[in-house]
Amino acid sequence: MTDPATDPAQARARLVHGLRAHGCAITPAVVEAFLAVPRHLFLPGIPIREAYADEAVPTQVVDGIATSSASQPSMMAIMLEQLAPAPGHRVLEVGAGTGYNAALLARLVGPAGRVVSVDIDGELVELAARHLAQAGITGVDLRVGDGALGVPDAAPYDRIVLTVGSWDLRPEWVAQLVPGGRLLLPLTVRGSQLSVAFDLRPDGVLESRSVRSCAFIRLRGAGAGPEAVERVGPGWAAQVPEGDTPDLEAVAGLLDEPRKLHRSTGSLDRADVWDGLGLWLMLTVPGALRLLTGDAEDPPGYWLVPTGQGRATVAVTVPGGLAALVTEPAGVRAFGPEGETAVRLLRAGVDAWHAAGRPHAADLRILAVPAGAALPGEGAVVEKELSRLVVAPAPA
């Protein structure tokens, strides 16, 4: 009997069994693609067990920061289900990575389709080409270039997918889609990264068909976008909404004035900070921001929510006051002389989230138009440099 820890076929079958059991790979085509494409050939030097584990694998690190990785297979399966590539489709992939996702796409679109994969890093493109050749995968057109600009000479595309996070929606991507085509990307919305599958409507509006939480390395080049986190003070940082930067020096001063703790029976975890309640507050409550600290053991940050690398939470600021969701014990902490005013605003936001049915990312609908265009619907408005988003709970 072969050992699944060293036998690629058994390890691959075990991975796919897990993807199906957790509802990540649903359609027969996606399941077949994961069974057919040997992931270990795209991760040379990685043990078979690790190559087929449901974990992301950093593949390029610069100055201690990962600039490329092999994405977590479950997230890849979720995004392929969102993208829904079909035989004969022309697909643009922004972010070649190891070439593994392009190989899956090539399997899904078949010999009648076409996959164009572009990456800003020529070395990554060279490695992806080598991996694809070793796996016997054909039908992938690899390009070196800035994916923010798309690949116009091979357009139009039925599907465009980003395997890197983007702060904004580039007009080049929309222009290179066929009418009714689909754009799938990890999009930053109020600090949360959301995998959004947009369909291009006849009126030019992008309308989300599915939304999922995700975490991807950010796009490089022209589409890199602004830094996501700003320093507040010693040991503190903040993530602020687009176009709404509070006085961070004042925030730092307020954090030195902890006041009353309003206890609650609810608990708070990492998902609450970035999805669900946290995302709702960042979308709907003026003055909301996320507080972060890099050291999970450094007081006073012990009352923030553990996130794996430090701690974080959602807070609301008003002139002279701040209120933050806290843990250990769970509740809302007031800061500064006007902290109770901030507490009332934060509690009202929490109540509104409950009244709306406690929506999470998957429960949202996002409409997008170019910057300056008329808003296409009602909801929380997110203003980007190149686009405008309207975010609201999806219609029942």
Protein backbone atom coordinates (compact mmCIF):
# COMPACT_ATOMS: atom_id res chain seq x y z
CA MET A 1 0.00 0.00 0.00
CA THR A 2 1.32 3.44 -0.91
CA ASP A 3 1.78 6.16 1.67
CA PRO A 4 -0.56 9.16 1.08
CA ALA A 5 2.17 11.35 2.58
CA THR A 6 4.44 10.53 -0.36
CA ASP A 7 2.05 9.38 -3.11
CA PRO A 8 0.84 12.41 -5.14
CA ALA A 9 -2.32 10.75 -6.44
CA GLN A 10 -3.50 9.76 -2.96
CA ALA A 11 -2.56 13.13 -1.50
CA ARG A 12 -4.43 14.88 -4.31
CA ALA A 13 -7.51 12.71 -3.80
CA ARG A 14 -7.45 13.46 -0.08
CA LEU A 15 -7.23 17.22 -0.76
CA VAL A 16 -10.16 17.08 -3.18
CA HIS A 17 -12.21 15.04 -0.71
CA GLY A 18 -11.69 17.83 1.84
CA LEU A 19 -12.59 20.55 -0.68
CA ARG A 20 -15.84 18.76 -1.49
CA ALA A 21 -16.66 18.01 2.15
CA HIS A 22 -16.32 21.69 3.07
CA GLY A 23 -18.36 22.89 0.07
CA CYS A 24 -15.44 24.67 -1.61
CA ALA A 25 -15.42 22.57 -4.78
CA ILE A 26 -19.01 21.89 -5.83
CA THR A 27 -19.31 21.53 -9.58
CA PRO A 28 -17.99 18.38 -11.30
CA ALA A 29 -15.74 20.46 -13.57
CA VAL A 30 -13.89 22.13 -10.68
CA VAL A 31 -13.55 18.82 -8.83
CA GLU A 32 -12.16 17.16 -11.98
CA ALA A 33 -9.67 19.99 -12.52
CA PHE A 34 -8.24 19.63 -8.99
CA LEU A 35 -8.01 15.85 -9.44
CA ALA A 36 -6.28 16.19 -12.80
CA VAL A 37 -3.67 18.91 -12.16
CA PRO A 38 -0.66 17.82 -10.04
CA ARG A 39 -0.10 20.69 -7.57
CA HIS A 40 3.22 19.28 -6.36
CA LEU A 41 4.79 19.94 -9.77
CA PHE A 42 4.10 23.65 -9.24
CA LEU A 43 5.82 23.55 -5.84
CA PRO A 44 9.15 21.81 -6.52
CA GLY A 45 11.12 21.04 -3.40
CA ILE A 46 8.00 21.06 -1.19
CA PRO A 47 7.16 17.68 0.45
CA ILE A 48 4.08 15.99 -1.02
CA ARG A 49 2.17 16.27 2.26
CA GLU A 50 2.72 20.04 2.35
CA ALA A 51 2.09 20.51 -1.36
CA TYR A 52 -1.40 19.03 -0.96
CA ALA A 53 -2.21 20.57 2.41
CA ASP A 54 -5.02 23.13 2.40
CA GLU A 55 -2.61 25.95 3.16
CA ALA A 56 -1.01 28.82 1.28
CA VAL A 57 2.70 28.39 0.53
CA PRO A 58 4.91 31.52 0.22
CA THR A 59 7.04 31.17 -2.92
CA GLN A 60 8.81 34.54 -3.08
CA VAL A 61 9.92 36.67 -0.14
CA VAL A 62 11.57 40.10 -0.45
CA ASP A 63 12.93 41.84 2.67
CA GLY A 64 10.93 39.50 4.86
CA ILE A 65 7.64 40.19 3.05
CA ALA A 66 5.94 37.60 0.84
CA THR A 67 5.46 39.00 -2.66
CA SER A 68 4.07 35.81 -4.20
CA SER A 69 2.53 32.61 -2.91
CA ALA A 70 0.66 29.49 -3.91
CA SER A 71 -2.84 30.26 -2.69
CA GLN A 72 -4.75 28.06 -0.28
CA PRO A 73 -6.49 25.37 -2.37
CA SER A 74 -9.86 25.88 -0.66
CA MET A 75 -9.79 29.59 -1.54
CA MET A 76 -8.77 28.73 -5.10
CA ALA A 77 -11.72 26.34 -5.37
CA ILE A 78 -14.13 28.96 -3.99
CA MET A 79 -12.90 31.51 -6.52
CA LEU A 80 -13.10 29.07 -9.44
CA GLU A 81 -16.70 28.37 -8.45
CA GLN A 82 -17.32 32.13 -8.33
CA LEU A 83 -15.64 32.67 -11.70
CA ALA A 84 -17.47 29.77 -13.41
CA PRO A 85 -15.17 29.44 -16.44
CA ALA A 86 -16.68 27.20 -19.13
CA PRO A 87 -15.33 25.31 -22.14
CA GLY A 88 -14.43 27.74 -24.91
CA HIS A 89 -14.07 30.77 -22.62
CA ARG A 90 -11.26 33.27 -23.04
CA VAL A 91 -9.81 34.02 -19.60
CA LEU A 92 -7.34 36.65 -18.39
CA GLU A 93 -5.53 35.88 -15.15
CA VAL A 94 -3.72 38.74 -13.40
CA GLY A 95 -0.98 37.27 -11.22
CA ALA A 96 0.68 34.16 -12.64
CA GLY A 97 2.15 32.93 -9.36
CA THR A 98 3.35 29.34 -9.69
CA GLY A 99 1.18 28.69 -12.75
CA TYR A 100 -1.07 26.26 -10.85
CA ASN A 101 -4.22 28.38 -11.09
CA ALA A 102 -3.61 28.93 -14.80
CA ALA A 103 -3.32 25.16 -15.19
CA LEU A 104 -6.69 24.68 -13.48
CA LEU A 105 -8.21 27.36 -15.71
CA ALA A 106 -6.80 25.71 -18.83
CA ARG A 107 -8.41 22.45 -17.77
CA LEU A 108 -11.75 24.18 -17.24
CA VAL A 109 -11.87 26.10 -20.54
CA GLY A 110 -10.55 23.15 -22.55
CA PRO A 111 -8.79 23.14 -25.92
CA ALA A 112 -11.39 25.47 -27.44
CA GLY A 113 -10.70 28.11 -24.80
CA ARG A 114 -7.73 30.34 -24.08
CA VAL A 115 -5.98 31.39 -20.86
CA VAL A 116 -3.75 34.48 -20.81
CA SER A 117 -1.79 34.90 -17.58
CA VAL A 118 0.15 38.11 -16.88
CA ASP A 119 2.55 38.97 -14.07
CA ILE A 120 4.70 42.01 -13.39
CA ASP A 121 7.59 39.79 -12.28
CA GLY A 122 9.46 38.19 -15.18
CA GLU A 123 11.12 35.64 -12.91
CA LEU A 124 7.72 34.38 -11.73
CA VAL A 125 6.52 34.10 -15.33
CA GLU A 126 9.60 32.05 -16.20
CA LEU A 127 9.00 29.70 -13.26
CA ALA A 128 5.31 29.37 -14.11
CA ALA A 129 6.25 28.41 -17.69
CA ARG A 130 8.63 25.76 -16.37
CA HIS A 131 6.01 24.33 -14.01
CA LEU A 132 3.33 24.23 -16.72
CA ALA A 133 5.69 22.41 -19.08
CA GLN A 134 6.60 19.86 -16.40
CA ALA A 135 2.89 19.22 -15.78
CA GLY A 136 2.19 18.87 -19.50
CA ILE A 137 -0.26 21.77 -19.49
CA THR A 138 -0.83 23.58 -22.78
CA GLY A 139 -3.15 26.41 -23.74
CA VAL A 140 -1.69 29.04 -21.37
CA ASP A 141 -0.32 32.26 -22.89
CA LEU A 142 2.11 33.71 -20.33
CA ARG A 143 2.96 37.42 -20.47
CA VAL A 144 5.27 39.73 -18.53
CA GLY A 145 3.52 43.04 -17.83
CA ASP A 146 1.57 45.16 -15.39
CA GLY A 147 -1.70 43.34 -14.84
CA ALA A 148 -3.37 46.61 -13.85
CA LEU A 149 -3.46 47.37 -17.57
CA GLY A 150 -4.78 43.96 -18.55
CA VAL A 151 -3.60 42.43 -21.84
CA PRO A 152 -5.49 44.36 -24.52
CA ASP A 153 -4.05 42.62 -27.58
CA ALA A 154 -5.69 39.32 -26.54
CA ALA A 155 -9.01 40.90 -25.46
CA PRO A 156 -11.94 40.65 -25.17
CA TYR A 157 -12.30 38.12 -22.37
CA ASP A 158 -15.28 36.17 -21.08
CA ARG A 159 -13.66 36.05 -17.66
CA ILE A 160 -11.00 38.12 -15.90
CA VAL A 161 -9.63 36.93 -12.55
CA LEU A 162 -7.11 38.49 -10.19
CA THR A 163 -5.09 36.25 -7.89
CA VAL A 164 -3.75 39.33 -6.08
CA GLY A 165 -5.57 41.88 -3.95
CA SER A 166 -6.64 45.17 -5.53
CA TRP A 167 -7.62 48.43 -3.83
CA ASP A 168 -9.61 49.68 -6.82
CA LEU A 169 -11.42 48.61 -9.99
CA ARG A 170 -9.33 49.40 -13.03
CA PRO A 171 -11.21 50.65 -16.13
CA GLU A 172 -8.86 48.58 -18.30
CA TRP A 173 -10.30 45.36 -16.88
CA VAL A 174 -13.86 46.44 -17.54
CA ALA A 175 -13.01 47.60 -21.07
CA GLN A 176 -11.49 44.20 -21.87
CA LEU A 177 -14.56 42.21 -20.78
CA VAL A 178 -17.18 41.01 -23.25
CA PRO A 179 -20.74 42.28 -22.58
CA GLY A 180 -22.08 40.12 -19.78
CA GLY A 181 -18.56 38.99 -18.87
CA ARG A 182 -17.38 38.38 -15.33
CA LEU A 183 -14.59 40.08 -13.35
CA LEU A 184 -13.46 38.30 -10.18
CA LEU A 185 -11.01 39.98 -7.83
CA PRO A 186 -9.98 40.28 -4.18
CA LEU A 187 -11.18 43.87 -3.66
CA THR A 188 -10.45 46.02 -0.63
CA VAL A 189 -13.70 47.37 0.81
CA ARG A 190 -13.36 49.44 3.98
CA GLY A 191 -10.16 47.60 4.85
CA SER A 192 -11.61 44.10 4.35
CA GLN A 193 -10.51 42.05 1.36
CA LEU A 194 -13.50 40.54 -0.43
CA SER A 195 -13.48 38.11 -3.34
CA VAL A 196 -16.16 39.71 -5.52
CA ALA A 197 -17.50 38.18 -8.75
CA PHE A 198 -18.83 41.12 -10.79
CA ASP A 199 -20.98 40.66 -13.90
CA LEU A 200 -20.94 43.47 -16.46
CA ARG A 201 -24.53 44.59 -17.06
CA PRO A 202 -25.77 46.13 -20.34
CA ASP A 203 -25.91 49.55 -18.64
CA GLY A 204 -22.18 49.34 -17.78
CA VAL A 205 -22.74 48.72 -14.07
CA LEU A 206 -20.75 45.94 -12.43
CA GLU A 207 -23.04 43.90 -10.19
CA SER A 208 -21.75 41.31 -7.75
CA ARG A 209 -23.06 37.76 -8.14
CA SER A 210 -21.17 36.42 -5.13
CA VAL A 211 -18.99 37.85 -2.36
CA ARG A 212 -16.61 35.94 -0.08
CA SER A 213 -14.03 36.96 2.51
CA CYS A 214 -10.42 36.40 1.47
CA ALA A 215 -6.80 37.43 2.07
CA PHE A 216 -4.33 37.89 -0.80
CA ILE A 217 -0.98 39.53 -1.40
CA ARG A 218 -1.54 42.99 -2.85
CA LEU A 219 -1.21 43.98 -6.49
CA ARG A 220 2.08 45.60 -7.46
CA GLY A 221 2.64 48.25 -10.11
CA ALA A 222 0.18 50.91 -11.26
CA GLY A 223 -2.69 49.33 -9.34
CA ALA A 224 -0.93 48.96 -5.98
CA GLY A 225 -3.15 51.51 -4.22
CA PRO A 226 -2.46 53.34 -0.95
CA GLU A 227 -1.04 51.76 2.18
CA ALA A 228 -3.73 49.97 4.15
CA VAL A 229 -2.48 50.83 7.65
CA GLU A 230 -1.30 54.09 9.23
CA ARG A 231 0.73 54.49 12.40
CA VAL A 232 -1.14 55.98 15.35
CA GLY A 233 1.40 55.96 18.15
CA PRO A 234 3.87 53.70 19.96
CA GLY A 235 2.60 50.15 19.47
CA TRP A 236 -0.58 51.28 17.68
CA ALA A 237 -1.74 51.47 14.08
CA ALA A 238 -5.08 52.18 12.41
CA GLN A 239 -6.93 51.16 9.29
CA VAL A 240 -9.25 53.94 8.16
CA PRO A 241 -12.06 54.04 5.57
CA GLU A 242 -11.42 55.41 2.08
CA GLY A 243 -11.57 59.19 2.11
CA ASP A 244 -12.28 59.46 5.85
CA THR A 245 -9.05 59.88 7.79
CA PRO A 246 -9.60 60.98 11.39
CA ASP A 247 -7.07 62.91 13.47
CA LEU A 248 -4.79 59.99 14.32
CA GLU A 249 -2.76 62.08 16.74
CA ALA A 250 -5.97 62.73 18.67
CA VAL A 251 -6.81 59.01 18.53
CA ALA A 252 -3.42 58.21 20.07
CA GLY A 253 -4.16 60.62 22.91
CA LEU A 254 -7.59 59.10 23.52
CA LEU A 255 -6.12 55.61 23.82
CA ASP A 256 -4.21 56.86 26.86
CA GLU A 257 -7.52 57.71 28.57
CA PRO A 258 -9.39 54.41 29.10
CA ARG A 259 -12.69 54.92 30.91
CA LYS A 260 -15.81 52.88 31.56
CA LEU A 261 -16.15 49.30 30.28
CA HIS A 262 -19.68 48.37 29.18
CA ARG A 263 -19.86 44.59 29.59
CA SER A 264 -21.73 42.37 27.15
CA THR A 265 -22.52 38.67 26.94
CA GLY A 266 -21.38 38.42 23.32
CA SER A 267 -17.97 37.23 22.24
CA LEU A 268 -15.67 38.70 19.62
CA ASP A 269 -13.32 36.78 17.32
CA ARG A 270 -11.03 37.45 14.38
CA ALA A 271 -13.79 36.98 11.80
CA ASP A 272 -15.91 39.60 13.59
CA VAL A 273 -13.18 42.21 13.12
CA TRP A 274 -12.75 41.73 9.36
CA ASP A 275 -16.11 40.29 8.33
CA GLY A 276 -19.67 40.50 9.59
CA LEU A 277 -19.97 43.05 12.36
CA GLY A 278 -16.62 44.73 11.78
CA LEU A 279 -17.23 45.23 8.06
CA TRP A 280 -20.76 46.48 8.72
CA LEU A 281 -19.53 49.09 11.21
CA MET A 282 -16.81 50.25 8.81
CA LEU A 283 -19.44 50.65 6.09
CA THR A 284 -22.22 52.31 8.05
CA VAL A 285 -20.91 54.21 11.10
CA PRO A 286 -19.17 57.58 10.57
CA GLY A 287 -15.82 57.71 12.34
CA ALA A 288 -15.34 53.93 12.38
CA LEU A 289 -11.81 52.56 12.08
CA ARG A 290 -9.85 49.43 12.94
CA LEU A 291 -7.20 49.57 15.65
CA LEU A 292 -4.24 47.24 15.40
CA THR A 293 -1.23 46.42 17.52
CA GLY A 294 1.70 44.30 16.44
CA ASP A 295 2.42 42.70 19.80
CA ALA A 296 -0.33 40.50 21.23
CA GLU A 297 1.26 40.69 24.69
CA ASP A 298 1.83 44.42 24.87
CA PRO A 299 -0.56 46.26 27.22
CA PRO A 300 -2.91 48.01 26.74
CA GLY A 301 -3.51 46.03 23.54
CA TYR A 302 -4.36 42.87 25.48
CA TRP A 303 -8.07 43.76 25.22
CA LEU A 304 -8.00 43.66 21.42
CA VAL A 305 -8.94 40.51 19.50
CA PRO A 306 -6.12 38.04 18.72
CA THR A 307 -5.62 37.87 14.94
CA GLY A 308 -2.62 35.55 14.65
CA GLN A 309 -0.10 38.35 14.17
CA GLY A 310 -0.91 40.83 16.90
CA ARG A 311 -4.40 42.03 17.80
CA ALA A 312 -7.09 44.22 16.26
CA THR A 313 -10.60 45.57 16.78
CA VAL A 314 -13.17 48.02 15.44
CA ALA A 315 -13.65 51.42 17.06
CA VAL A 316 -15.68 54.59 16.57
CA THR A 317 -14.25 58.06 17.05
CA VAL A 318 -15.95 61.38 17.78
CA PRO A 319 -14.32 64.68 18.74
CA GLY A 320 -12.92 64.05 22.21
CA GLY A 321 -13.99 60.41 22.44
CA LEU A 322 -13.51 56.87 21.21
CA ALA A 323 -15.32 53.57 21.77
CA ALA A 324 -13.86 50.18 20.93
CA LEU A 325 -15.17 46.62 20.85
CA VAL A 326 -13.02 44.70 23.31
CA THR A 327 -12.44 41.20 24.59
CA GLU A 328 -11.15 39.82 27.91
CA PRO A 329 -13.81 40.65 29.05
CA ALA A 330 -16.14 41.21 26.09
CA GLY A 331 -17.81 44.59 25.80
CA VAL A 332 -17.33 48.18 24.66
CA ARG A 333 -14.62 50.36 26.20
CA ALA A 334 -15.01 54.14 26.31
CA PHE A 335 -11.99 56.45 25.95
CA GLY A 336 -11.73 60.18 26.48
CA PRO A 337 -14.21 62.73 27.88
CA GLU A 338 -16.71 62.10 25.04
CA GLY A 339 -16.27 58.35 25.11
CA GLU A 340 -19.91 57.73 26.06
CA THR A 341 -21.06 59.54 22.90
CA ALA A 342 -18.88 57.21 20.85
CA VAL A 343 -20.27 54.22 22.77
CA ARG A 344 -23.82 55.18 21.80
CA LEU A 345 -22.84 55.42 18.12
CA LEU A 346 -21.06 52.08 18.23
CA ARG A 347 -23.97 50.38 19.98
CA ALA A 348 -26.42 51.83 17.44
CA GLY A 349 -24.29 50.33 14.66
CA VAL A 350 -24.27 46.94 16.39
CA ASP A 351 -28.06 47.10 16.83
CA ALA A 352 -28.51 47.97 13.14
CA TRP A 353 -26.38 44.97 12.16
CA HIS A 354 -28.57 42.66 14.23
CA ALA A 355 -31.72 44.26 12.78
CA ALA A 356 -30.40 43.66 9.26
CA GLY A 357 -30.01 39.94 10.00
CA ARG A 358 -26.32 39.97 10.99
CA PRO A 359 -25.03 40.11 7.38
CA HIS A 360 -21.54 38.87 6.57
CA ALA A 361 -19.56 39.34 3.36
CA ALA A 362 -21.41 36.53 1.60
CA ASP A 363 -24.72 38.32 2.31
CA LEU A 364 -23.74 41.55 0.55
CA ARG A 365 -24.40 42.92 -2.92
CA ILE A 366 -21.91 45.36 -4.40
CA LEU A 367 -22.61 47.62 -7.38
CA ALA A 368 -19.74 49.47 -9.04
CA VAL A 369 -19.47 52.32 -11.54
CA PRO A 370 -16.61 54.59 -12.66
CA ALA A 371 -15.66 57.49 -10.40
CA GLY A 372 -17.98 60.44 -10.98
CA ALA A 373 -20.80 58.34 -12.43
CA ALA A 374 -24.29 58.40 -10.93
CA LEU A 375 -24.78 55.99 -8.05
CA PRO A 376 -26.49 52.82 -9.31
CA GLY A 377 -28.44 52.02 -6.16
CA GLU A 378 -28.86 52.59 -2.43
CA GLY A 379 -26.54 51.52 0.35
CA ALA A 380 -23.20 52.43 1.87
CA VAL A 381 -21.12 54.38 -0.64
CA VAL A 382 -17.40 53.66 -0.94
CA GLU A 383 -15.50 56.23 -3.00
CA LYS A 384 -12.32 54.99 -4.68
CA GLU A 385 -9.97 56.84 -7.01
CA LEU A 386 -11.27 55.13 -10.15
CA SER A 387 -14.61 53.75 -9.05
CA ARG A 388 -17.63 54.15 -6.78
CA LEU A 389 -19.13 51.22 -4.89
CA VAL A 390 -22.58 50.85 -3.36
CA VAL A 391 -22.71 48.10 -0.73
CA ALA A 392 -25.90 46.76 0.84
CA PRO A 393 -27.39 43.46 2.00
CA ALA A 394 -28.29 41.38 -1.04
CA PRO A 395 -32.00 41.26 -1.91
CA ALA A 396 -33.75 38.19 -0.52
